[in-house]
């Protein structure tokens, strides 16, 4: 299975969020929230890649991380959440 670099993307988004949080302005905080969401998405997709053979095909119809977790990853691994 090819590594699509989700873990590195997550790290990058997390670092960007940390830098934005240090700025403290309202617009920087909103941008930090977006970076954190993108971090969570990257980690979720990395988990999905690992559990692909155990996740039902219906999980692939959902692209939002919360839906992927609830439809597939939790089924494959109850501790995935």
N, C-alpha and C. Protein backbone atom coordinates (compact mmCIF):
# COMPACT_ATOMS: atom_id res chain seq x y z
N UNK A 1 0.85 -1.18 0.00
CA UNK A 1 0.00 0.00 0.00
C UNK A 1 0.90 1.25 0.00
N UNK A 2 0.69 2.14 -0.95
CA UNK A 2 1.55 3.33 -1.02
C UNK A 2 1.25 4.31 0.12
N UNK A 3 2.29 4.94 0.60
CA UNK A 3 2.15 5.96 1.63
C UNK A 3 1.75 7.26 0.96
N UNK A 4 0.58 7.76 1.28
CA UNK A 4 0.09 8.99 0.66
C UNK A 4 0.48 10.24 1.45
N UNK A 5 1.28 10.08 2.50
CA UNK A 5 1.81 11.21 3.23
C UNK A 5 0.83 11.91 4.16
N UNK A 6 -0.20 11.20 4.58
CA UNK A 6 -1.20 11.84 5.45
C UNK A 6 -0.61 12.25 6.80
N UNK A 7 0.29 11.44 7.34
CA UNK A 7 0.87 11.75 8.65
C UNK A 7 1.69 13.03 8.57
N UNK A 8 2.47 13.19 7.50
CA UNK A 8 3.26 14.41 7.33
C UNK A 8 2.35 15.62 7.11
N UNK A 9 1.28 15.43 6.37
CA UNK A 9 0.32 16.53 6.18
C UNK A 9 -0.27 16.95 7.51
N UNK A 10 -0.60 15.96 8.34
CA UNK A 10 -1.17 16.27 9.66
C UNK A 10 -0.18 17.07 10.49
N UNK A 11 1.07 16.66 10.49
CA UNK A 11 2.10 17.39 11.25
C UNK A 11 2.23 18.83 10.75
N UNK A 12 2.21 18.99 9.45
CA UNK A 12 2.33 20.32 8.86
C UNK A 12 1.17 21.21 9.28
N UNK A 13 -0.04 20.67 9.22
CA UNK A 13 -1.22 21.45 9.62
C UNK A 13 -1.17 21.80 11.11
N UNK A 14 -0.70 20.86 11.92
CA UNK A 14 -0.59 21.10 13.36
C UNK A 14 0.42 22.21 13.65
N UNK A 15 1.55 22.18 12.98
CA UNK A 15 2.57 23.22 13.17
C UNK A 15 2.04 24.58 12.73
N UNK A 16 1.33 24.59 11.62
CA UNK A 16 0.75 25.85 11.13
C UNK A 16 -0.26 26.39 12.13
N UNK A 17 -1.08 25.51 12.69
CA UNK A 17 -2.08 25.92 13.68
C UNK A 17 -1.40 26.51 14.92
N UNK A 18 -0.34 25.87 15.37
CA UNK A 18 0.38 26.37 16.55
C UNK A 18 0.91 27.78 16.31
N UNK A 19 1.47 27.99 15.14
CA UNK A 19 1.97 29.33 14.81
C UNK A 19 0.86 30.36 14.77
N UNK A 20 -0.27 29.99 14.23
CA UNK A 20 -1.41 30.91 14.16
C UNK A 20 -1.97 31.21 15.53
N UNK A 21 -2.00 30.21 16.41
CA UNK A 21 -2.51 30.42 17.76
C UNK A 21 -1.66 31.43 18.52
N UNK A 22 -0.37 31.43 18.25
CA UNK A 22 0.52 32.38 18.93
C UNK A 22 0.25 33.82 18.52
N UNK A 23 -0.36 34.03 17.35
CA UNK A 23 -0.66 35.38 16.89
C UNK A 23 -1.79 35.99 17.71
N UNK A 24 -2.78 35.17 18.07
CA UNK A 24 -3.83 35.61 18.97
C UNK A 24 -4.94 36.45 18.38
N UNK A 25 -4.85 36.87 17.13
CA UNK A 25 -5.93 37.66 16.56
C UNK A 25 -7.11 36.75 16.21
N UNK A 26 -8.28 37.34 16.07
CA UNK A 26 -9.47 36.56 15.76
C UNK A 26 -9.34 35.85 14.42
N UNK A 27 -8.82 36.54 13.42
CA UNK A 27 -8.67 35.91 12.11
C UNK A 27 -7.63 34.78 12.16
N UNK A 28 -6.58 34.95 12.94
CA UNK A 28 -5.57 33.89 13.08
C UNK A 28 -6.16 32.69 13.81
N UNK A 29 -7.03 32.93 14.79
CA UNK A 29 -7.68 31.83 15.50
C UNK A 29 -8.60 31.04 14.58
N UNK A 30 -9.33 31.74 13.71
CA UNK A 30 -10.19 31.05 12.74
C UNK A 30 -9.33 30.20 11.80
N UNK A 31 -8.24 30.76 11.34
CA UNK A 31 -7.34 30.03 10.45
C UNK A 31 -6.73 28.82 11.17
N UNK A 32 -6.42 28.98 12.45
CA UNK A 32 -5.88 27.86 13.24
C UNK A 32 -6.90 26.74 13.35
N UNK A 33 -8.15 27.09 13.54
CA UNK A 33 -9.22 26.09 13.59
C UNK A 33 -9.29 25.30 12.28
N UNK A 34 -9.17 25.99 11.18
CA UNK A 34 -9.19 25.32 9.88
C UNK A 34 -7.99 24.39 9.75
N UNK A 35 -6.83 24.84 10.17
CA UNK A 35 -5.63 23.99 10.11
C UNK A 35 -5.80 22.75 10.99
N UNK A 36 -6.41 22.92 12.17
CA UNK A 36 -6.64 21.77 13.05
C UNK A 36 -7.62 20.79 12.43
N UNK A 37 -8.65 21.32 11.77
CA UNK A 37 -9.60 20.44 11.08
C UNK A 37 -8.89 19.64 9.99
N UNK A 38 -8.03 20.32 9.24
CA UNK A 38 -7.29 19.64 8.18
C UNK A 38 -6.34 18.59 8.76
N UNK A 39 -5.80 18.84 9.94
CA UNK A 39 -4.96 17.88 10.63
C UNK A 39 -5.77 16.64 10.98
N UNK A 40 -6.95 16.83 11.54
CA UNK A 40 -7.82 15.71 11.91
C UNK A 40 -8.22 14.92 10.67
N UNK A 41 -8.53 15.62 9.59
CA UNK A 41 -8.89 14.93 8.35
C UNK A 41 -7.74 14.06 7.85
N UNK A 42 -6.54 14.60 7.86
CA UNK A 42 -5.39 13.84 7.37
C UNK A 42 -5.17 12.59 8.22
N UNK A 43 -5.30 12.71 9.54
CA UNK A 43 -5.13 11.56 10.42
C UNK A 43 -6.23 10.52 10.19
N UNK A 44 -7.45 10.98 9.96
CA UNK A 44 -8.56 10.06 9.70
C UNK A 44 -8.33 9.30 8.40
N UNK A 45 -7.90 9.99 7.37
CA UNK A 45 -7.65 9.32 6.10
C UNK A 45 -6.47 8.36 6.19
N UNK A 46 -5.49 8.70 7.02
CA UNK A 46 -4.39 7.77 7.22
C UNK A 46 -4.89 6.50 7.90
N UNK A 47 -5.77 6.64 8.90
CA UNK A 47 -6.34 5.48 9.56
C UNK A 47 -7.18 4.67 8.59
N UNK A 48 -7.95 5.33 7.76
CA UNK A 48 -8.76 4.64 6.77
C UNK A 48 -7.88 3.82 5.83
N UNK A 49 -6.77 4.39 5.43
CA UNK A 49 -5.84 3.69 4.55
C UNK A 49 -5.35 2.40 5.22
N UNK A 50 -5.08 2.46 6.51
CA UNK A 50 -4.58 1.29 7.23
C UNK A 50 -5.64 0.20 7.38
N UNK A 51 -6.90 0.61 7.55
CA UNK A 51 -7.99 -0.33 7.80
C UNK A 51 -8.80 -0.65 6.55
N UNK A 52 -8.32 -0.27 5.39
CA UNK A 52 -9.10 -0.37 4.16
C UNK A 52 -9.70 -1.76 3.93
N UNK A 53 -8.96 -2.79 4.22
CA UNK A 53 -9.48 -4.14 3.98
C UNK A 53 -10.56 -4.54 4.98
N UNK A 54 -10.66 -3.85 6.11
CA UNK A 54 -11.63 -4.20 7.15
C UNK A 54 -12.83 -3.27 7.18
N UNK A 55 -12.78 -2.20 6.45
CA UNK A 55 -13.84 -1.19 6.48
C UNK A 55 -14.86 -1.49 5.39
N UNK A 56 -16.16 -1.41 5.73
CA UNK A 56 -17.17 -1.66 4.69
C UNK A 56 -17.09 -0.62 3.58
N UNK A 57 -17.47 -1.01 2.38
CA UNK A 57 -17.43 -0.11 1.23
C UNK A 57 -18.28 1.13 1.44
N UNK A 58 -19.33 1.05 2.25
CA UNK A 58 -20.17 2.22 2.49
C UNK A 58 -19.40 3.35 3.16
N UNK A 59 -18.35 3.01 3.89
CA UNK A 59 -17.54 4.06 4.53
C UNK A 59 -16.84 4.91 3.48
N UNK A 60 -16.56 4.33 2.34
CA UNK A 60 -15.86 5.06 1.28
C UNK A 60 -16.78 6.09 0.61
N UNK A 61 -18.08 5.98 0.82
CA UNK A 61 -19.01 6.94 0.25
C UNK A 61 -18.98 8.27 1.01
N UNK A 62 -18.48 8.25 2.21
CA UNK A 62 -18.42 9.44 3.06
C UNK A 62 -17.03 10.04 2.97
N UNK A 63 -16.95 11.33 2.82
CA UNK A 63 -15.63 11.94 2.78
C UNK A 63 -15.33 12.72 4.05
N UNK A 64 -16.35 13.01 4.87
CA UNK A 64 -16.09 13.72 6.12
C UNK A 64 -15.51 12.76 7.16
N UNK A 65 -14.47 13.15 7.86
CA UNK A 65 -13.83 12.27 8.84
C UNK A 65 -14.80 11.69 9.87
N UNK A 66 -15.73 12.50 10.37
CA UNK A 66 -16.67 12.00 11.38
C UNK A 66 -17.50 10.85 10.81
N UNK A 67 -17.94 10.98 9.57
CA UNK A 67 -18.74 9.94 8.95
C UNK A 67 -17.89 8.70 8.66
N UNK A 68 -16.65 8.89 8.26
CA UNK A 68 -15.77 7.75 8.02
C UNK A 68 -15.55 6.98 9.33
N UNK A 69 -15.32 7.72 10.41
CA UNK A 69 -15.13 7.06 11.70
C UNK A 69 -16.37 6.27 12.10
N UNK A 70 -17.53 6.89 12.01
CA UNK A 70 -18.75 6.23 12.48
C UNK A 70 -19.20 5.10 11.57
N UNK A 71 -18.96 5.20 10.29
CA UNK A 71 -19.42 4.18 9.34
C UNK A 71 -18.46 3.02 9.16
N UNK A 72 -17.21 3.24 9.39
CA UNK A 72 -16.27 2.19 9.04
C UNK A 72 -15.19 1.90 10.05
N UNK A 73 -14.46 2.91 10.44
CA UNK A 73 -13.30 2.65 11.28
C UNK A 73 -13.69 2.11 12.64
N UNK A 74 -14.77 2.60 13.22
CA UNK A 74 -15.21 2.11 14.52
C UNK A 74 -15.63 0.64 14.43
N UNK A 75 -16.19 0.26 13.28
CA UNK A 75 -16.56 -1.13 13.06
C UNK A 75 -15.33 -2.02 13.03
N UNK A 76 -14.29 -1.56 12.35
CA UNK A 76 -13.05 -2.34 12.24
C UNK A 76 -12.26 -2.35 13.55
N UNK A 77 -12.27 -1.21 14.25
CA UNK A 77 -11.53 -1.08 15.49
C UNK A 77 -12.29 -0.16 16.43
N UNK A 78 -12.92 -0.69 17.47
CA UNK A 78 -13.71 0.14 18.40
C UNK A 78 -12.90 1.25 19.07
N UNK A 79 -11.58 1.13 19.09
CA UNK A 79 -10.73 2.16 19.70
C UNK A 79 -10.25 3.20 18.70
N UNK A 80 -10.69 3.13 17.46
CA UNK A 80 -10.22 4.05 16.42
C UNK A 80 -10.60 5.50 16.71
N UNK A 81 -11.69 5.71 17.38
CA UNK A 81 -12.14 7.07 17.67
C UNK A 81 -11.33 7.73 18.73
